[in-house]
Each structure stands twice: as structure tokens, then as C-alpha cells.
Amino acid sequence: MDPDARARLDQTMTQIAHQTGATLHACHHPGRAARRVVLRDARNDRGTQAEAAQLEADGTLRVTGHHTGPGVSEFSGDAITCYD
């Protein structure tokens, strides 16, 4: 991503965070995983749920997740079908 586009994205995300009372944290690209554990990997008629935790070579603990499908929409509204 070019630097100007990244700056515009950061500015927009900062405004959204401010309006919602959240805090924006810019995360660097994940490092090399020294250890990784899959916490959840489920698929059913309500969608998919995947969550993992990894300990990176520099000691960073990173927890990631991705949920998609009708179960997300039931909770968040019809316009939202997935989240990370």
C-alpha cells in the first residue's frame, strides 16, 4: 500500500475509533511463528469460526480470529457478514 493511501486509511480509522470510544492500534505484519495453537476451527450452517494464538520468534503473543456467515449477521445485523 502506498504511503499516502496508508495515511488516509489511518486517519479514517482514527476518526472511527474516536467516534465510537475505541482506541486504534496499528499492528505490524505478523512475525514468524515459533509456536501456533488453533483455538477454534468450526464450520456449520451458521458459518465458520476460526481462532488461533501464536507465539512469535520475538516473543509477541498474537491472537487472531475470523468469523463469517449467517451467525455473524444474526448478532451484528444483516449488512455485516464477517469480522476479524
Protein backbone atom coordinates (compact mmCIF):
# COMPACT_ATOMS: atom_id res chain seq x y z
CA MET A 1 0.00 0.00 0.00
CA ASP A 2 1.41 3.39 -0.92
CA PRO A 3 2.23 5.75 1.99
CA ASP A 4 -0.50 8.29 1.09
CA ALA A 5 -3.18 5.60 0.98
CA ARG A 6 -1.96 4.20 4.30
CA ALA A 7 -2.07 7.68 5.85
CA ARG A 8 -5.66 8.22 4.62
CA LEU A 9 -6.70 4.82 5.95
CA ASP A 10 -5.07 5.52 9.33
CA GLN A 11 -6.81 8.90 9.52
CA THR A 12 -10.21 7.38 8.71
CA MET A 13 -9.74 4.54 11.20
CA THR A 14 -8.63 7.02 13.90
CA GLN A 15 -11.79 9.08 13.32
CA ILE A 16 -13.99 5.98 13.58
CA ALA A 17 -12.21 4.88 16.76
CA HIS A 18 -12.65 8.33 18.29
CA GLN A 19 -16.37 8.43 17.41
CA THR A 20 -17.00 5.01 18.93
CA GLY A 21 -14.84 5.41 22.03
CA ALA A 22 -12.33 2.84 20.79
CA THR A 23 -8.55 3.01 20.51
CA LEU A 24 -6.76 2.35 17.24
CA HIS A 25 -3.70 0.12 17.42
CA ALA A 26 -1.72 -0.34 14.21
CA CYS A 27 -0.43 -3.89 14.08
CA HIS A 28 2.65 -4.79 12.11
CA HIS A 29 2.63 -7.74 9.77
CA PRO A 30 2.77 -10.91 11.87
CA GLY A 31 6.24 -12.22 12.51
CA ARG A 32 7.50 -15.76 12.18
CA ALA A 33 5.53 -18.06 14.45
CA ALA A 34 7.63 -20.10 16.86
CA ARG A 35 4.52 -21.90 18.17
CA ARG A 36 0.89 -21.82 16.99
CA VAL A 37 -2.26 -23.23 18.58
CA VAL A 38 -5.62 -23.43 16.82
CA LEU A 39 -8.20 -22.44 19.42
CA ARG A 40 -11.28 -22.95 17.26
CA ASP A 41 -11.96 -24.17 13.74
CA ALA A 42 -15.69 -24.74 13.39
CA ARG A 43 -17.95 -24.87 10.34
CA ASN A 44 -21.71 -25.35 10.38
CA ASP A 45 -24.93 -23.92 8.88
CA ARG A 46 -24.37 -20.66 10.82
CA GLY A 47 -20.95 -20.05 9.22
CA THR A 48 -17.31 -20.51 10.12
CA GLN A 49 -15.31 -19.59 13.20
CA ALA A 50 -11.54 -19.76 13.23
CA GLU A 51 -9.32 -18.56 16.08
CA ALA A 52 -5.63 -19.12 16.72
CA ALA A 53 -2.90 -17.97 19.07
CA GLN A 54 0.72 -17.86 18.09
CA LEU A 55 3.91 -17.05 19.92
CA GLU A 56 6.23 -15.28 17.51
CA ALA A 57 10.00 -15.60 17.42
CA ASP A 58 10.40 -12.15 19.04
CA GLY A 59 8.13 -13.11 21.99
CA THR A 60 4.96 -11.41 20.70
CA LEU A 61 1.74 -13.28 21.50
CA ARG A 62 -0.75 -12.77 18.67
CA VAL A 63 -4.38 -13.95 18.87
CA THR A 64 -6.33 -13.86 15.61
CA GLY A 65 -9.82 -14.81 14.58
CA HIS A 66 -12.21 -14.72 11.66
CA HIS A 67 -15.94 -15.35 11.85
CA THR A 68 -18.21 -15.37 8.80
CA GLY A 69 -21.75 -16.40 7.85
CA PRO A 70 -25.35 -16.05 8.98
CA GLY A 71 -24.42 -16.34 12.68
CA VAL A 72 -22.48 -13.08 12.41
CA SER A 73 -25.44 -11.34 10.75
CA GLU A 74 -27.82 -12.57 13.45
CA PHE A 75 -25.66 -10.83 16.05
CA SER A 76 -24.44 -7.76 14.13
CA GLY A 77 -27.20 -7.06 11.58
CA ASP A 78 -27.85 -8.08 8.00
CA ALA A 79 -25.20 -5.78 6.50
CA ILE A 80 -22.37 -7.47 8.42
CA THR A 81 -21.47 -10.99 7.32
CA CYS A 82 -17.96 -11.36 8.72
CA TYR A 83 -15.43 -9.91 11.14
CA ASP A 84 -11.82 -10.46 12.12
